[in-house]
């Protein structure tokens, strides 16, 4: 089955055309500056081909149309006709409590997605726009929504409830939802396979570390806790996001500097995290270069991040009553050997023993712990697009 995977942002749209049986990526690319002018970057991995086009994209509909044109182009296309696309899989950030699994998109599902907009005002409208644009340009093609939040719907009440008046959960659905679920689910399955066990038989801590970061406790293949919360702002300090903090800080700073909540949230989302501590960058590579050059705040930002990841690993091992494997994934997790080593060092009391030579690698699925480590430490590149394509093929195949 040929599946078009779509990840729509407010002014961008990532895509991959995949063969769900062979897992081959036939083509992939990015539409940028939608609503401004429009730029398409189109790649064909098998031919090592990359093309860039300036194309007017006033809306997502034009962006999708330009993607389809690129896919069927005689010069750089990979299919002869759009009809070769069997289905479309859409990444959707928030499914609330309504979706514990991926779903075939129907009118009822679209209505439910719109009801989730207050929970993800920055992301869900863009995801909905992407779906509607595809429906307009590709009428009759089956489409599936794959939710970032779905994997974490197995968390028990004690893990997802906040200690607020219970009515805010009952009436307003204020609770921990968790995100990056598609990534956590993918690496959990791969980790179990690498351990030669069924996912139901292992306790795994998955560390999705990138510009946005989250850690999940996965017991028997099910998420039982995760660091992101009601929004993706919670948990670890990230590239530009603060992560967990004392809510009283908001009132203190807003009162002192005369800020409204919009300004405060902009600071917490865009100016905090490792960028806020370092004053240098939100990119961990820049921070490492600056730290090597003697920049104390850059070093402090890295240490703070690593310390918080380590704390969560300890907490989740306690929550599950043990751990069989720790997984590092996403941009920083896959490529930053120094961060992995710093996080795993000092966890010997839990049975973690690293292999410095094995850890000195990037973006390759491998074991990075020592042979005699009781807890296996794994590097697993994530593949959310493959997960979306697989779910889409499975759901469409049943209907």
Protein backbone atom coordinates (compact mmCIF):
# COMPACT_ATOMS: atom_id res chain seq x y z
CA UNK A 1 0.00 0.00 0.00
CA UNK A 2 1.29 3.47 -0.87
CA UNK A 3 0.61 5.81 2.05
CA UNK A 4 1.06 9.58 2.01
CA UNK A 5 2.02 10.74 5.52
CA UNK A 6 1.16 14.36 6.32
CA UNK A 7 2.34 16.44 9.27
CA UNK A 8 0.74 19.88 8.94
CA UNK A 9 1.87 22.90 10.95
CA UNK A 10 0.38 26.39 10.90
CA UNK A 11 2.59 27.58 8.01
CA UNK A 12 4.39 24.37 7.04
CA UNK A 13 3.61 20.85 5.87
CA UNK A 14 5.96 17.84 5.98
CA UNK A 15 5.19 14.82 3.83
CA UNK A 16 6.46 11.32 3.04
CA UNK A 17 5.18 8.85 0.49
CA UNK A 18 5.85 5.38 1.87
CA UNK A 19 5.35 1.80 0.85
CA UNK A 20 3.76 0.29 3.97
CA UNK A 21 4.83 -3.26 3.06
CA UNK A 22 8.54 -2.63 2.31
CA UNK A 23 8.83 0.45 4.61
CA UNK A 24 10.58 2.25 1.74
CA UNK A 25 10.36 6.04 1.64
CA UNK A 26 9.60 6.76 -2.02
CA UNK A 27 9.68 10.55 -1.64
CA UNK A 28 9.60 13.14 1.11
CA UNK A 29 9.66 16.86 1.51
CA UNK A 30 8.55 20.07 3.13
CA UNK A 31 6.24 22.92 2.20
CA UNK A 32 7.20 26.15 3.99
CA UNK A 33 5.88 29.70 4.23
CA UNK A 34 2.28 28.69 3.54
CA UNK A 35 0.13 31.83 3.60
CA UNK A 36 3.19 34.03 2.91
CA UNK A 37 4.63 32.99 -0.46
CA UNK A 38 5.45 29.28 -0.59
CA UNK A 39 8.49 27.04 -0.92
CA UNK A 40 8.61 23.29 -1.66
CA UNK A 41 11.65 21.09 -0.99
CA UNK A 42 11.18 17.65 -2.57
CA UNK A 43 13.52 14.68 -2.13
CA UNK A 44 13.69 11.24 -3.73
CA UNK A 45 15.99 9.15 -1.47
CA UNK A 46 16.55 6.29 -3.96
CA UNK A 47 17.95 8.73 -6.55
CA UNK A 48 19.68 11.02 -4.01
CA UNK A 49 17.59 13.77 -5.64
CA UNK A 50 16.68 17.11 -4.08
CA UNK A 51 14.62 19.82 -5.78
CA UNK A 52 13.49 23.22 -4.47
CA UNK A 53 10.63 25.25 -5.90
CA UNK A 54 9.08 28.63 -5.17
CA UNK A 55 5.32 27.98 -5.51
CA UNK A 56 2.50 30.31 -4.38
CA UNK A 57 0.78 28.64 -1.40
CA UNK A 58 -1.90 30.98 -0.04
CA UNK A 59 -3.47 28.02 1.83
CA UNK A 60 -2.70 24.39 2.70
CA UNK A 61 -4.80 23.29 -0.31
CA UNK A 62 -2.23 24.75 -2.71
CA UNK A 63 0.55 23.16 -0.65
CA UNK A 64 -1.06 19.70 -0.94
CA UNK A 65 -1.67 20.24 -4.67
CA UNK A 66 2.02 21.15 -5.14
CA UNK A 67 3.06 18.00 -3.24
CA UNK A 68 0.87 15.83 -5.52
CA UNK A 69 2.29 17.58 -8.60
CA UNK A 70 5.82 16.83 -7.39
CA UNK A 71 4.97 13.17 -6.73
CA UNK A 72 3.63 12.62 -10.29
CA UNK A 73 6.15 14.85 -12.11
CA UNK A 74 7.86 13.11 -15.09
CA UNK A 75 11.20 14.66 -14.01
CA UNK A 76 11.28 14.04 -10.23
CA UNK A 77 8.10 12.12 -9.44
CA UNK A 78 7.82 8.59 -8.06
CA UNK A 79 4.29 7.63 -9.19
CA UNK A 80 2.47 8.02 -12.51
CA UNK A 81 -0.92 8.95 -11.10
CA UNK A 82 -2.29 10.34 -7.84
CA UNK A 83 -4.68 7.38 -7.84
CA UNK A 84 -1.70 5.19 -6.86
CA UNK A 85 -1.90 6.74 -3.37
CA UNK A 86 -4.04 4.28 -1.40
CA UNK A 87 -4.51 6.34 1.78
CA UNK A 88 -3.31 9.37 3.73
CA UNK A 89 -2.10 9.24 7.33
CA UNK A 90 -2.22 12.49 9.31
CA UNK A 91 -0.28 13.32 12.44
CA UNK A 92 -2.67 14.93 14.92
CA UNK A 93 -1.22 16.38 18.11
CA UNK A 94 -4.19 16.11 20.48
CA UNK A 95 -6.94 13.51 20.67
CA UNK A 96 -7.90 14.27 24.28
CA UNK A 97 -9.60 11.38 26.07
CA UNK A 98 -11.62 10.56 22.96
CA UNK A 99 -8.88 8.61 21.17
CA UNK A 100 -6.73 5.86 22.67
CA UNK A 101 -5.72 4.67 19.19
CA UNK A 102 -5.45 5.89 15.61
CA UNK A 103 -8.80 6.36 13.83
CA UNK A 104 -10.28 6.42 10.34
CA UNK A 105 -11.27 10.02 9.66
CA UNK A 106 -15.04 10.49 9.47
CA UNK A 107 -17.32 13.49 10.05
CA UNK A 108 -17.63 12.41 13.70
CA UNK A 109 -13.85 12.22 14.09
CA UNK A 110 -13.45 15.70 12.56
CA UNK A 111 -16.00 17.02 15.03
CA UNK A 112 -14.08 15.43 17.91
CA UNK A 113 -10.84 17.01 16.66
CA UNK A 114 -12.47 20.42 16.66
CA UNK A 115 -13.67 19.83 20.22
CA UNK A 116 -10.01 19.21 21.18
CA UNK A 117 -8.85 22.60 19.83
CA UNK A 118 -8.96 24.29 23.28
CA UNK A 119 -6.53 21.61 24.51
CA UNK A 120 -4.03 22.27 21.67
CA UNK A 121 -4.82 25.71 20.21
CA UNK A 122 -1.46 25.96 18.42
CA UNK A 123 -1.44 22.50 16.85
CA UNK A 124 -4.89 21.02 16.25
CA UNK A 125 -6.20 23.81 13.97
CA UNK A 126 -3.19 23.25 11.66
CA UNK A 127 -3.71 19.48 11.73
CA UNK A 128 -7.41 19.95 10.88
CA UNK A 129 -6.52 22.35 8.05
CA UNK A 130 -4.12 19.75 6.63
CA UNK A 131 -6.83 17.07 6.70
CA UNK A 132 -9.40 19.35 5.05
CA UNK A 133 -6.90 20.39 2.36
CA UNK A 134 -6.22 16.72 1.54
CA UNK A 135 -9.94 15.93 1.46
CA UNK A 136 -10.46 18.79 -0.98
CA UNK A 137 -7.62 17.82 -3.32
CA UNK A 138 -7.99 14.01 -2.92
CA UNK A 139 -11.74 13.34 -2.57
CA UNK A 140 -12.64 9.74 -1.75
CA UNK A 141 -9.15 8.71 -0.61
CA UNK A 142 -9.37 7.14 2.89
CA UNK A 143 -7.59 9.08 5.63
CA UNK A 144 -6.44 8.16 9.13
CA UNK A 145 -5.62 10.36 12.15
CA UNK A 146 -2.67 9.23 14.30
CA UNK A 147 -2.57 11.02 17.65
CA UNK A 148 0.47 12.12 19.69
CA UNK A 149 -1.58 11.68 22.86
CA UNK A 150 -3.14 8.25 22.16
CA UNK A 151 -0.30 6.06 23.45
CA UNK A 152 -0.46 7.71 26.88
CA UNK A 153 -4.19 7.05 27.35
CA UNK A 154 -3.22 3.88 29.25
CA UNK A 155 -1.85 5.96 32.17
CA UNK A 156 -3.67 5.21 35.44
CA UNK A 157 -5.66 7.96 37.17
CA UNK A 158 -3.05 8.38 39.88
CA UNK A 159 -0.50 9.29 37.18
CA UNK A 160 -2.58 11.61 35.03
CA UNK A 161 -4.61 13.55 37.60
CA UNK A 162 -3.40 16.90 38.93
CA UNK A 163 -4.03 17.79 42.58
CA UNK A 164 -6.56 20.47 41.65
CA UNK A 165 -10.26 20.59 42.58
CA UNK A 166 -11.65 17.48 40.88
CA UNK A 167 -14.31 19.52 39.04
CA UNK A 168 -11.60 20.92 36.72
CA UNK A 169 -10.98 17.40 35.51
CA UNK A 170 -14.67 16.50 35.31
CA UNK A 171 -15.82 19.66 33.53
CA UNK A 172 -12.71 20.87 31.72
CA UNK A 173 -10.64 17.72 31.24
CA UNK A 174 -7.58 19.26 32.92
CA UNK A 175 -5.19 16.32 33.31
CA UNK A 176 -1.83 15.01 32.13
CA UNK A 177 -2.09 13.88 28.49
CA UNK A 178 1.51 13.42 27.39
CA UNK A 179 2.86 13.83 23.86
CA UNK A 180 5.40 12.27 21.46
CA UNK A 181 3.27 9.12 21.86
CA UNK A 182 3.90 7.87 18.32
CA UNK A 183 7.66 8.06 18.92
CA UNK A 184 7.50 6.41 22.36
CA UNK A 185 5.34 3.63 20.91
CA UNK A 186 7.69 3.01 17.98
CA UNK A 187 10.89 2.81 20.05
CA UNK A 188 9.17 0.64 22.67
CA UNK A 189 8.36 -1.97 20.00
CA UNK A 190 11.88 -1.80 18.58
CA UNK A 191 13.44 -2.06 22.06
CA UNK A 192 11.43 -5.19 22.86
CA UNK A 193 12.54 -6.72 19.54
CA UNK A 194 16.19 -5.88 20.27
CA UNK A 195 15.85 -7.52 23.71
CA UNK A 196 14.32 -10.58 22.06
CA UNK A 197 11.21 -10.28 24.21
CA UNK A 198 7.55 -9.38 23.86
CA UNK A 199 6.68 -5.78 24.77
CA UNK A 200 4.22 -7.19 27.37
CA UNK A 201 7.14 -8.74 29.27
CA UNK A 202 9.46 -5.75 29.70
CA UNK A 203 9.71 -2.46 31.59
CA UNK A 204 11.21 0.27 29.41
CA UNK A 205 12.01 3.94 29.97
CA UNK A 206 11.95 5.83 26.66
CA UNK A 207 13.77 9.17 26.44
CA UNK A 208 12.64 11.26 23.44
CA UNK A 209 15.24 14.04 23.64
CA UNK A 210 15.22 16.86 21.11
CA UNK A 211 14.18 20.49 20.90
CA UNK A 212 11.00 19.17 22.52
CA UNK A 213 11.73 16.42 25.03
CA UNK A 214 9.76 13.88 27.03
CA UNK A 215 10.41 10.70 28.98
CA UNK A 216 7.91 7.85 29.31
CA UNK A 217 7.58 4.86 31.62
CA UNK A 218 6.34 1.91 29.53
CA UNK A 219 5.36 -1.19 31.50
CA UNK A 220 4.27 -4.23 29.51
CA UNK A 221 3.99 -2.22 26.31
CA UNK A 222 1.72 0.41 27.90
CA UNK A 223 2.55 3.95 28.92
CA UNK A 224 2.06 4.31 32.68
CA UNK A 225 3.60 7.77 33.10
CA UNK A 226 5.18 10.51 31.02
CA UNK A 227 6.82 13.86 31.65
CA UNK A 228 4.79 16.17 29.40
CA UNK A 229 1.45 17.15 30.87
CA UNK A 230 -1.71 19.03 29.99
CA UNK A 231 0.43 20.74 27.33
CA UNK A 232 3.87 20.00 25.81
CA UNK A 233 5.28 22.75 28.07
CA UNK A 234 5.63 20.44 31.09
CA UNK A 235 8.41 18.11 32.19
CA UNK A 236 12.03 18.54 31.13
CA UNK A 237 13.69 21.86 30.31
CA UNK A 238 13.77 21.79 26.49
CA UNK A 239 15.21 23.87 23.65
CA UNK A 240 13.10 26.95 24.43
CA UNK A 241 10.46 25.57 26.84
CA UNK A 242 10.81 25.85 30.60
CA UNK A 243 9.49 22.44 31.59
CA UNK A 244 8.17 22.04 35.14
CA UNK A 245 8.26 25.06 37.43
CA UNK A 246 6.52 26.49 40.49
CA UNK A 247 3.29 28.10 39.24
CA UNK A 248 3.79 30.86 41.82
CA UNK A 249 6.67 32.15 39.67
CA UNK A 250 4.12 33.25 37.05
CA UNK A 251 2.25 35.51 39.46
CA UNK A 252 5.50 36.90 40.87
CA UNK A 253 6.98 37.83 37.47
CA UNK A 254 3.70 39.01 35.94
CA UNK A 255 3.06 41.33 38.89
CA UNK A 256 6.63 42.63 39.04
CA UNK A 257 6.98 43.32 35.31
CA UNK A 258 3.36 44.09 34.42
CA UNK A 259 3.07 41.17 32.02
CA UNK A 260 -0.17 39.53 30.92
CA UNK A 261 -0.53 35.75 30.61
CA UNK A 262 0.14 35.86 26.85
CA UNK A 263 3.54 37.49 27.40
CA UNK A 264 4.33 35.08 30.22
CA UNK A 265 3.48 32.01 28.11
CA UNK A 266 5.59 33.38 25.26
CA UNK A 267 8.55 33.53 27.65
CA UNK A 268 7.87 30.00 28.96
CA UNK A 269 7.45 28.53 25.45
CA UNK A 270 9.91 30.53 23.34
CA UNK A 271 12.58 32.07 25.58
CA UNK A 272 13.19 29.52 28.34
CA UNK A 273 14.70 26.03 28.52
CA UNK A 274 18.37 25.65 27.63
CA UNK A 275 18.16 28.87 25.59
CA UNK A 276 16.98 30.75 28.67
CA UNK A 277 19.68 29.36 30.97
CA UNK A 278 22.54 29.68 28.47
CA UNK A 279 21.62 32.86 26.63
CA UNK A 280 23.45 31.21 23.72
CA UNK A 281 21.14 28.91 21.74
CA UNK A 282 18.40 26.30 21.86
CA UNK A 283 20.61 24.00 19.76
CA UNK A 284 22.55 21.51 21.86
CA UNK A 285 25.44 21.50 19.35
CA UNK A 286 25.93 25.24 19.85
CA UNK A 287 25.79 24.76 23.62
CA UNK A 288 28.46 22.06 23.54
CA UNK A 289 30.73 24.26 21.42
CA UNK A 290 30.19 27.19 23.80
CA UNK A 291 30.76 24.99 26.87
CA UNK A 292 34.05 23.72 25.42
CA UNK A 293 35.03 27.37 24.96
CA UNK A 294 34.53 27.99 28.67
CA UNK A 295 30.98 29.42 28.65
CA UNK A 296 29.70 28.55 32.13
CA UNK A 297 26.01 29.19 31.38
CA UNK A 298 26.10 26.95 28.30
CA UNK A 299 27.66 24.21 30.43
CA UNK A 300 25.04 24.82 33.13
CA UNK A 301 22.19 24.52 30.58
CA UNK A 302 23.49 21.13 29.44
CA UNK A 303 24.02 19.93 33.01
CA UNK A 304 20.52 21.04 34.03
CA UNK A 305 18.97 19.17 31.10
CA UNK A 306 20.98 16.00 31.76
CA UNK A 307 20.26 16.12 35.49
CA UNK A 308 16.51 16.37 34.91
CA UNK A 309 16.50 13.44 32.45
CA UNK A 310 18.44 11.35 34.99
CA UNK A 311 15.96 12.26 37.77
CA UNK A 312 13.02 11.12 35.64
CA UNK A 313 14.72 7.80 34.82
CA UNK A 314 15.12 7.18 38.55
CA UNK A 315 11.52 8.18 39.25
CA UNK A 316 10.09 5.98 36.50
CA UNK A 317 12.18 2.98 37.53
CA UNK A 318 10.65 3.42 41.01
CA UNK A 319 7.14 3.85 39.55
CA UNK A 320 7.42 0.58 37.62
CA UNK A 321 9.28 -1.34 40.32
CA UNK A 322 12.30 -1.82 38.09
CA UNK A 323 13.48 -1.35 34.52
CA UNK A 324 14.84 -3.68 31.84
CA UNK A 325 15.95 -1.10 29.27
CA UNK A 326 16.49 2.63 28.79
CA UNK A 327 16.06 3.99 25.27
CA UNK A 328 17.50 7.20 23.83
CA UNK A 329 15.82 8.62 20.71
CA UNK A 330 15.06 11.86 18.73
CA UNK A 331 17.56 14.53 17.63
CA UNK A 332 19.62 14.86 20.82
CA UNK A 333 19.05 11.30 22.04
CA UNK A 334 20.16 9.79 18.73
CA UNK A 335 23.13 12.03 17.97
CA UNK A 336 24.61 13.37 21.21
CA UNK A 337 26.93 10.78 22.78
CA UNK A 338 28.03 13.19 25.54
CA UNK A 339 24.45 13.79 26.73
CA UNK A 340 23.66 10.06 26.71
CA UNK A 341 26.79 9.31 28.74
CA UNK A 342 26.11 12.13 31.22
CA UNK A 343 22.52 10.94 31.75
CA UNK A 344 23.46 7.27 32.19
CA UNK A 345 26.51 7.90 34.38
CA UNK A 346 25.73 7.52 38.07
CA UNK A 347 22.94 5.02 37.44
CA UNK A 348 25.18 2.05 38.31
CA UNK A 349 23.13 1.52 41.49
CA UNK A 350 20.20 0.61 39.19
CA UNK A 351 22.29 -1.87 37.20
CA UNK A 352 23.26 0.51 34.35
CA UNK A 353 26.79 0.19 33.01
CA UNK A 354 27.73 2.07 29.85
CA UNK A 355 30.20 1.13 27.12
CA UNK A 356 31.96 4.36 26.06
CA UNK A 357 33.09 2.92 22.73
CA UNK A 358 29.64 1.55 21.83
CA UNK A 359 28.09 4.89 22.85
CA UNK A 360 30.39 6.79 20.48
CA UNK A 361 27.96 6.60 17.56
CA UNK A 362 25.12 8.56 15.94
CA UNK A 363 21.71 7.70 14.56
CA UNK A 364 22.19 3.93 14.47
CA UNK A 365 20.04 1.30 16.18
CA UNK A 366 22.43 -0.31 18.65
CA UNK A 367 23.12 -1.36 22.26
CA UNK A 368 25.29 1.24 24.00
CA UNK A 369 25.54 -0.37 27.44
CA UNK A 370 28.30 -2.76 28.53
CA UNK A 371 27.82 -6.49 27.95
CA UNK A 372 27.43 -7.09 31.70
CA UNK A 373 24.98 -4.21 32.27
CA UNK A 374 21.87 -5.55 34.03
CA UNK A 375 19.79 -2.79 32.44
CA UNK A 376 20.27 -2.51 28.67
CA UNK A 377 20.76 0.99 27.28
CA UNK A 378 19.66 1.32 23.64
CA UNK A 379 20.02 3.93 20.93
CA UNK A 380 17.01 3.70 18.60
CA UNK A 381 16.34 6.28 15.87
CA UNK A 382 12.64 7.09 15.98
CA UNK A 383 10.40 6.75 12.92
CA UNK A 384 7.06 8.42 13.57
CA UNK A 385 6.26 8.49 9.85
CA UNK A 386 6.63 4.71 9.57
CA UNK A 387 4.36 4.32 12.60
CA UNK A 388 1.75 6.59 10.97
CA UNK A 389 2.00 4.71 7.65
CA UNK A 390 1.71 1.32 9.39
CA UNK A 391 -1.34 2.40 11.40
CA UNK A 392 -2.95 3.90 8.31
CA UNK A 393 -2.44 0.76 6.19
CA UNK A 394 -3.80 -1.43 9.01
CA UNK A 395 -6.92 0.66 9.63
CA UNK A 396 -7.72 1.21 5.94
CA UNK A 397 -7.14 -2.51 5.28
CA UNK A 398 -9.90 -3.35 7.79
CA UNK A 399 -12.51 -1.06 6.18
